[in-house]
Amino acid sequence: MPETREPARTPEALATLFNQRANAGDVEGLVALYEPDAILAAGRVVATGHTEIRSFYTDLLARKSDFPAPETLPPLRNGSLAMTFARLPKGAFSVEVAREQADRTWLWAIDQLKLAPPKD
């Protein structure tokens, strides 16, 4: 994988880059979408920082190789913070907090990877 990757220039670009990198099996590219001290929650797993996030995605990509494109919803922005949302193919949502970096790119600081809709 190339060491230089396209950065997210807007908060909504993060979901597109995530999908591209996940489908390419690019663990380092996925980790690069997060701030160094970011928190990723996925079910019972909570990963903090690049090392734990890398471990999570290494395991995930070893088990899964197809990531359909989610429906992204418009982010809520407040200055250098943005809340991003994506509706996943089976109805679950992902919700993230992104922060604008000093170089005007965006990275996720908090990622709630999958929230299942309530069951009727």
Protein backbone atom coordinates (compact mmCIF):
# COMPACT_ATOMS: atom_id res chain seq x y z
CA MET A 1 0.00 0.00 0.00
CA PRO A 2 1.27 3.50 -0.70
CA GLU A 3 2.48 5.48 2.32
CA THR A 4 0.87 8.70 1.07
CA ARG A 5 -2.90 8.47 1.12
CA GLU A 6 -5.54 10.95 0.15
CA PRO A 7 -6.64 12.83 3.27
CA ALA A 8 -10.23 13.72 4.08
CA ARG A 9 -10.70 17.36 3.11
CA THR A 10 -14.27 17.38 4.50
CA PRO A 11 -15.85 15.37 7.32
CA GLU A 12 -18.17 13.60 4.87
CA ALA A 13 -15.15 12.34 2.87
CA LEU A 14 -14.13 10.11 5.79
CA ALA A 15 -16.89 7.54 5.06
CA THR A 16 -15.91 7.29 1.39
CA LEU A 17 -12.24 6.84 2.26
CA PHE A 18 -13.18 4.27 4.90
CA ASN A 19 -15.16 2.25 2.36
CA GLN A 20 -12.39 2.38 -0.26
CA ARG A 21 -9.68 1.38 2.19
CA ALA A 22 -11.71 -1.37 3.86
CA ASN A 23 -12.49 -2.96 0.50
CA ALA A 24 -8.80 -2.71 -0.46
CA GLY A 25 -7.79 -4.45 2.77
CA ASP A 26 -5.75 -1.37 3.75
CA VAL A 27 -5.51 -1.57 7.55
CA GLU A 28 -2.97 1.27 7.77
CA GLY A 29 -5.19 3.42 5.58
CA LEU A 30 -8.10 2.82 7.95
CA VAL A 31 -5.98 3.70 10.99
CA ALA A 32 -4.89 6.90 9.22
CA LEU A 33 -8.52 8.11 9.31
CA TYR A 34 -8.32 8.45 13.11
CA GLU A 35 -6.62 10.86 15.47
CA PRO A 36 -3.78 9.20 17.43
CA ASP A 37 -5.87 9.03 20.64
CA ALA A 38 -9.20 8.26 18.96
CA ILE A 39 -11.76 5.90 20.47
CA LEU A 40 -13.51 3.25 18.37
CA ALA A 41 -16.49 1.38 19.81
CA ALA A 42 -17.84 -1.66 18.00
CA GLY A 43 -20.21 -3.77 20.03
CA ARG A 44 -18.35 -5.00 23.10
CA VAL A 45 -14.99 -3.87 21.73
CA VAL A 46 -13.60 -0.45 22.65
CA ALA A 47 -10.30 0.39 20.99
CA THR A 48 -8.34 3.45 22.09
CA GLY A 49 -5.47 4.84 20.05
CA HIS A 50 -3.86 3.73 16.82
CA THR A 51 -2.41 0.48 18.18
CA GLU A 52 -5.75 -0.87 19.40
CA ILE A 53 -7.63 0.45 16.35
CA ARG A 54 -5.06 -1.25 14.09
CA SER A 55 -5.57 -4.52 15.96
CA PHE A 56 -9.36 -4.22 15.60
CA TYR A 57 -9.19 -3.62 11.84
CA THR A 58 -6.55 -6.32 11.31
CA ASP A 59 -8.95 -8.80 12.90
CA LEU A 60 -12.01 -7.44 11.07
CA LEU A 61 -10.38 -7.52 7.63
CA ALA A 62 -9.12 -11.06 8.26
CA ARG A 63 -12.78 -12.12 8.67
CA LYS A 64 -14.56 -9.86 6.20
CA SER A 65 -13.59 -8.58 2.78
CA ASP A 66 -16.73 -6.98 1.33
CA PHE A 67 -17.90 -3.62 2.63
CA PRO A 68 -20.90 -2.26 0.70
CA ALA A 69 -20.99 1.51 0.39
CA PRO A 70 -23.11 3.05 3.14
CA GLU A 71 -25.63 5.81 2.67
CA THR A 72 -23.93 8.84 4.17
CA LEU A 73 -26.04 11.51 5.78
CA PRO A 74 -25.10 15.19 5.97
CA PRO A 75 -22.77 15.92 8.90
CA LEU A 76 -23.62 18.28 11.73
CA ARG A 77 -20.84 20.85 11.94
CA ASN A 78 -19.82 23.23 14.68
CA GLY A 79 -16.56 24.95 13.82
CA SER A 80 -13.76 22.41 13.87
CA LEU A 81 -16.04 19.56 15.02
CA ALA A 82 -18.45 17.50 12.98
CA MET A 83 -20.73 14.59 13.72
CA THR A 84 -20.86 12.19 10.78
CA PHE A 85 -23.46 9.51 10.13
CA ALA A 86 -23.79 6.56 7.78
CA ARG A 87 -26.68 4.16 7.32
CA LEU A 88 -25.26 0.69 6.76
CA PRO A 89 -26.85 -1.79 4.32
CA LYS A 90 -28.75 -3.82 6.96
CA GLY A 91 -30.20 -0.74 8.66
CA ALA A 92 -27.60 -0.11 11.35
CA PHE A 93 -25.93 3.28 11.71
CA SER A 94 -22.42 4.43 12.39
CA VAL A 95 -21.95 7.72 14.20
CA GLU A 96 -18.62 9.51 14.48
CA VAL A 97 -17.14 12.74 15.79
CA ALA A 98 -14.60 14.21 13.39
CA ARG A 99 -12.22 17.06 14.12
CA GLU A 100 -10.56 19.42 11.69
CA GLN A 101 -6.78 19.20 11.96
CA ALA A 102 -4.26 22.06 11.78
CA ASP A 103 -3.61 21.20 8.10
CA ARG A 104 -7.38 21.57 7.36
CA THR A 105 -7.91 17.82 6.89
CA TRP A 106 -10.40 15.85 8.99
CA LEU A 107 -9.91 12.80 11.23
CA TRP A 108 -12.27 10.85 13.43
CA ALA A 109 -11.82 11.34 17.19
CA ILE A 110 -14.71 9.09 18.26
CA ASP A 111 -16.29 6.30 16.22
CA GLN A 112 -19.37 4.34 17.24
CA LEU A 113 -19.01 1.84 14.45
CA LYS A 114 -22.38 0.16 14.46
CA LEU A 115 -25.64 1.00 16.19
CA ALA A 116 -28.38 -1.49 15.45
CA PRO A 117 -31.92 -0.18 15.03
CA PRO A 118 -34.30 -1.16 17.82
CA LYS A 119 -36.16 -4.42 17.28
CA ASP A 120 -39.93 -4.21 17.16
